[in-house]
Amino acid sequence: MGSVARRHKAAALVRDGRVSLQSTGPERVHLDVKEYQVVYHRRKRRWSCTCRYNTLTQSECYHIVAARLFLDKAIKEKREGKEPQGKDL
């Protein structure tokens, strides 16, 4: 899947409410994307996903792209004074 198709698919997940923030901490940010768990490892500045594609290739899957888009949107909304979806960032 090319990067344009991956981003398009990821944006659809965010738009359809299939991404949710589960927890944040000093080490990690946990999100649910569809039936998968996506984690951002803050110290390593690295993303991981439980999907088969990411597990086997260590490449960025569309679930990770969706998590990134979701967090970018939530941060933007918080800066604008809107209530972001999910738990506090």
N, C-alpha and C. Protein backbone atom coordinates (compact mmCIF):
# COMPACT_ATOMS: atom_id res chain seq x y z
N MET A 1 0.85 -1.17 0.00
CA MET A 1 0.00 0.00 0.00
C MET A 1 0.89 1.23 0.00
N GLY A 2 0.63 2.15 -0.92
CA GLY A 2 1.42 3.36 -1.00
C GLY A 2 1.08 4.34 0.09
N SER A 3 1.91 5.37 0.23
CA SER A 3 1.72 6.32 1.33
C SER A 3 0.42 7.12 1.18
N VAL A 4 0.00 7.43 -0.05
CA VAL A 4 -1.24 8.17 -0.25
C VAL A 4 -2.43 7.31 0.15
N ALA A 5 -2.44 6.06 -0.27
CA ALA A 5 -3.52 5.14 0.08
C ALA A 5 -3.55 4.90 1.59
N ARG A 6 -2.38 4.76 2.19
CA ARG A 6 -2.29 4.55 3.64
C ARG A 6 -2.86 5.75 4.39
N ARG A 7 -2.52 6.94 3.97
CA ARG A 7 -3.03 8.16 4.63
C ARG A 7 -4.54 8.30 4.44
N HIS A 8 -5.03 7.99 3.25
CA HIS A 8 -6.46 8.06 2.98
C HIS A 8 -7.23 7.08 3.87
N LYS A 9 -6.74 5.87 3.99
CA LYS A 9 -7.37 4.86 4.82
C LYS A 9 -7.32 5.27 6.30
N ALA A 10 -6.20 5.84 6.72
CA ALA A 10 -6.03 6.30 8.10
C ALA A 10 -6.99 7.44 8.41
N ALA A 11 -7.13 8.38 7.49
CA ALA A 11 -8.02 9.52 7.70
C ALA A 11 -9.47 9.04 7.84
N ALA A 12 -9.84 8.01 7.09
CA ALA A 12 -11.19 7.46 7.19
C ALA A 12 -11.42 6.86 8.58
N LEU A 13 -10.41 6.21 9.15
CA LEU A 13 -10.55 5.65 10.50
C LEU A 13 -10.79 6.75 11.53
N VAL A 14 -10.05 7.85 11.41
CA VAL A 14 -10.22 8.97 12.35
C VAL A 14 -11.61 9.58 12.17
N ARG A 15 -11.98 9.83 10.93
CA ARG A 15 -13.28 10.44 10.62
C ARG A 15 -14.44 9.58 11.12
N ASP A 16 -14.29 8.26 11.04
CA ASP A 16 -15.36 7.33 11.43
C ASP A 16 -15.35 7.00 12.93
N GLY A 17 -14.46 7.66 13.69
CA GLY A 17 -14.42 7.44 15.13
C GLY A 17 -13.85 6.09 15.55
N ARG A 18 -12.99 5.51 14.72
CA ARG A 18 -12.42 4.20 15.01
C ARG A 18 -11.09 4.28 15.76
N VAL A 19 -10.69 5.49 16.18
CA VAL A 19 -9.45 5.70 16.92
C VAL A 19 -9.80 6.31 18.27
N SER A 20 -9.23 5.76 19.34
CA SER A 20 -9.48 6.33 20.67
C SER A 20 -8.21 6.28 21.51
N LEU A 21 -8.03 7.33 22.28
CA LEU A 21 -6.90 7.43 23.19
C LEU A 21 -7.24 6.64 24.44
N GLN A 22 -6.38 5.70 24.83
CA GLN A 22 -6.63 4.87 26.00
C GLN A 22 -5.90 5.35 27.24
N SER A 23 -4.64 5.71 27.08
CA SER A 23 -3.89 6.21 28.24
C SER A 23 -2.64 6.95 27.77
N THR A 24 -2.19 7.85 28.64
CA THR A 24 -0.94 8.55 28.40
C THR A 24 -0.11 8.50 29.67
N GLY A 25 1.17 8.47 29.49
CA GLY A 25 2.07 8.45 30.63
C GLY A 25 3.41 9.03 30.21
N PRO A 26 4.34 9.08 31.14
CA PRO A 26 5.65 9.66 30.81
C PRO A 26 6.42 8.83 29.79
N GLU A 27 6.13 7.54 29.72
CA GLU A 27 6.87 6.64 28.82
C GLU A 27 6.14 6.37 27.50
N ARG A 28 4.80 6.23 27.57
CA ARG A 28 4.04 5.76 26.41
C ARG A 28 2.69 6.45 26.29
N VAL A 29 2.19 6.45 25.03
CA VAL A 29 0.82 6.85 24.73
C VAL A 29 0.17 5.63 24.07
N HIS A 30 -0.97 5.19 24.62
CA HIS A 30 -1.68 4.02 24.10
C HIS A 30 -2.97 4.44 23.42
N LEU A 31 -3.18 3.92 22.20
CA LEU A 31 -4.41 4.20 21.47
C LEU A 31 -4.98 2.89 20.94
N ASP A 32 -6.30 2.86 20.79
CA ASP A 32 -6.95 1.76 20.09
C ASP A 32 -7.32 2.25 18.70
N VAL A 33 -6.93 1.48 17.71
CA VAL A 33 -7.26 1.80 16.32
C VAL A 33 -7.89 0.54 15.73
N LYS A 34 -9.19 0.62 15.45
CA LYS A 34 -9.95 -0.57 15.08
C LYS A 34 -9.76 -1.60 16.19
N GLU A 35 -9.34 -2.78 15.84
CA GLU A 35 -9.14 -3.82 16.85
C GLU A 35 -7.68 -3.94 17.28
N TYR A 36 -6.85 -3.00 16.90
CA TYR A 36 -5.42 -3.06 17.20
C TYR A 36 -5.02 -2.04 18.26
N GLN A 37 -3.90 -2.28 18.89
CA GLN A 37 -3.36 -1.35 19.87
C GLN A 37 -2.11 -0.70 19.27
N VAL A 38 -2.09 0.61 19.32
CA VAL A 38 -0.97 1.38 18.82
C VAL A 38 -0.33 2.09 20.02
N VAL A 39 0.99 2.04 20.08
CA VAL A 39 1.71 2.65 21.19
C VAL A 39 2.80 3.57 20.64
N TYR A 40 2.86 4.78 21.21
CA TYR A 40 3.98 5.67 20.92
C TYR A 40 4.91 5.62 22.12
N HIS A 41 6.14 5.21 21.89
CA HIS A 41 7.16 5.10 22.92
C HIS A 41 7.92 6.43 22.94
N ARG A 42 7.63 7.24 23.94
CA ARG A 42 8.14 8.62 23.97
C ARG A 42 9.66 8.69 23.96
N ARG A 43 10.33 7.94 24.81
CA ARG A 43 11.80 8.05 24.90
C ARG A 43 12.49 7.59 23.62
N LYS A 44 11.97 6.54 23.02
CA LYS A 44 12.57 6.02 21.79
C LYS A 44 12.08 6.77 20.56
N ARG A 45 11.01 7.59 20.75
CA ARG A 45 10.37 8.28 19.63
C ARG A 45 10.02 7.28 18.54
N ARG A 46 9.33 6.22 18.95
CA ARG A 46 9.03 5.11 18.05
C ARG A 46 7.58 4.67 18.23
N TRP A 47 6.95 4.28 17.14
CA TRP A 47 5.58 3.78 17.13
C TRP A 47 5.58 2.27 16.96
N SER A 48 4.59 1.60 17.54
CA SER A 48 4.39 0.17 17.29
C SER A 48 2.89 -0.10 17.22
N CYS A 49 2.54 -1.17 16.53
CA CYS A 49 1.15 -1.58 16.37
C CYS A 49 1.09 -3.10 16.46
N THR A 50 -0.03 -3.60 16.94
CA THR A 50 -0.18 -5.05 17.09
C THR A 50 -0.65 -5.73 15.80
N CYS A 51 -0.83 -4.97 14.73
CA CYS A 51 -1.27 -5.61 13.48
C CYS A 51 -0.14 -6.46 12.88
N ARG A 52 -0.51 -7.37 12.05
CA ARG A 52 0.45 -8.30 11.43
C ARG A 52 1.49 -7.56 10.58
N TYR A 53 1.04 -6.57 9.80
CA TYR A 53 1.95 -5.85 8.91
C TYR A 53 3.08 -5.19 9.70
N ASN A 54 2.74 -4.44 10.75
CA ASN A 54 3.75 -3.75 11.54
C ASN A 54 4.62 -4.74 12.30
N THR A 55 4.01 -5.78 12.83
CA THR A 55 4.76 -6.77 13.60
C THR A 55 5.81 -7.46 12.73
N LEU A 56 5.45 -7.79 11.50
CA LEU A 56 6.38 -8.51 10.61
C LEU A 56 7.40 -7.60 9.93
N THR A 57 6.99 -6.40 9.54
CA THR A 57 7.88 -5.55 8.74
C THR A 57 8.52 -4.41 9.52
N GLN A 58 7.97 -4.09 10.70
CA GLN A 58 8.42 -2.92 11.48
C GLN A 58 8.27 -1.63 10.67
N SER A 59 7.39 -1.66 9.66
CA SER A 59 7.11 -0.48 8.85
C SER A 59 5.83 0.18 9.34
N GLU A 60 5.67 1.45 9.02
CA GLU A 60 4.51 2.20 9.48
C GLU A 60 3.24 1.73 8.75
N CYS A 61 2.30 1.20 9.53
CA CYS A 61 1.02 0.76 8.98
C CYS A 61 0.02 1.90 9.03
N TYR A 62 -1.14 1.70 8.41
CA TYR A 62 -2.13 2.77 8.41
C TYR A 62 -2.76 2.98 9.78
N HIS A 63 -2.65 2.02 10.68
CA HIS A 63 -3.13 2.21 12.05
C HIS A 63 -2.27 3.25 12.78
N ILE A 64 -0.97 3.19 12.56
CA ILE A 64 -0.06 4.17 13.15
C ILE A 64 -0.32 5.55 12.55
N VAL A 65 -0.52 5.60 11.24
CA VAL A 65 -0.83 6.87 10.59
C VAL A 65 -2.12 7.45 11.17
N ALA A 66 -3.12 6.60 11.39
CA ALA A 66 -4.38 7.05 11.98
C ALA A 66 -4.16 7.58 13.39
N ALA A 67 -3.34 6.90 14.18
CA ALA A 67 -3.05 7.35 15.54
C ALA A 67 -2.37 8.71 15.52
N ARG A 68 -1.44 8.89 14.61
CA ARG A 68 -0.74 10.18 14.49
C ARG A 68 -1.70 11.29 14.10
N LEU A 69 -2.57 11.01 13.12
CA LEU A 69 -3.56 12.00 12.70
C LEU A 69 -4.50 12.35 13.85
N PHE A 70 -4.93 11.34 14.59
CA PHE A 70 -5.82 11.53 15.73
C PHE A 70 -5.18 12.43 16.78
N LEU A 71 -3.93 12.13 17.13
CA LEU A 71 -3.24 12.93 18.14
C LEU A 71 -3.00 14.36 17.66
N ASP A 72 -2.63 14.52 16.39
CA ASP A 72 -2.44 15.87 15.83
C ASP A 72 -3.74 16.67 15.93
N LYS A 73 -4.86 16.03 15.60
CA LYS A 73 -6.16 16.68 15.66
C LYS A 73 -6.52 17.03 17.11
N ALA A 74 -6.28 16.10 18.04
CA ALA A 74 -6.60 16.34 19.45
C ALA A 74 -5.77 17.47 20.03
N ILE A 75 -4.50 17.53 19.68
CA ILE A 75 -3.63 18.62 20.16
C ILE A 75 -4.09 19.96 19.60
N LYS A 76 -4.44 19.98 18.32
CA LYS A 76 -4.94 21.21 17.69
C LYS A 76 -6.22 21.67 18.37
N GLU A 77 -7.14 20.75 18.63
CA GLU A 77 -8.40 21.10 19.29
C GLU A 77 -8.15 21.62 20.71
N LYS A 78 -7.22 21.02 21.40
CA LYS A 78 -6.90 21.46 22.76
C LYS A 78 -6.35 22.89 22.74
N ARG A 79 -5.48 23.18 21.78
CA ARG A 79 -4.91 24.53 21.66
C ARG A 79 -5.99 25.56 21.34
N GLU A 80 -7.00 25.14 20.59
CA GLU A 80 -8.10 26.04 20.21
C GLU A 80 -9.16 26.13 21.29
N GLY A 81 -8.96 25.42 22.40
CA GLY A 81 -9.91 25.47 23.50
C GLY A 81 -11.09 24.54 23.35
N LYS A 82 -11.05 23.65 22.36
CA LYS A 82 -12.12 22.67 22.18
C LYS A 82 -11.82 21.45 23.03
N GLU A 83 -12.84 20.69 23.36
CA GLU A 83 -12.68 19.47 24.14
C GLU A 83 -12.22 18.35 23.20
N PRO A 84 -10.98 17.82 23.37
CA PRO A 84 -10.53 16.73 22.50
C PRO A 84 -11.24 15.44 22.83
N GLN A 85 -11.29 14.53 21.85
CA GLN A 85 -11.89 13.21 22.06
C GLN A 85 -11.00 12.38 22.95
N GLY A 86 -11.57 11.52 23.74
CA GLY A 86 -10.79 10.57 24.55
C GLY A 86 -10.25 11.20 25.81
N LYS A 87 -9.23 10.60 26.35
CA LYS A 87 -8.63 11.03 27.60
C LYS A 87 -7.70 12.21 27.39
N ASP A 88 -7.32 12.85 28.49
CA ASP A 88 -6.41 13.99 28.39
C ASP A 88 -5.07 13.59 27.79
N LEU A 89 -4.51 14.51 27.04
CA LEU A 89 -3.20 14.27 26.42
C LEU A 89 -2.10 14.63 27.39
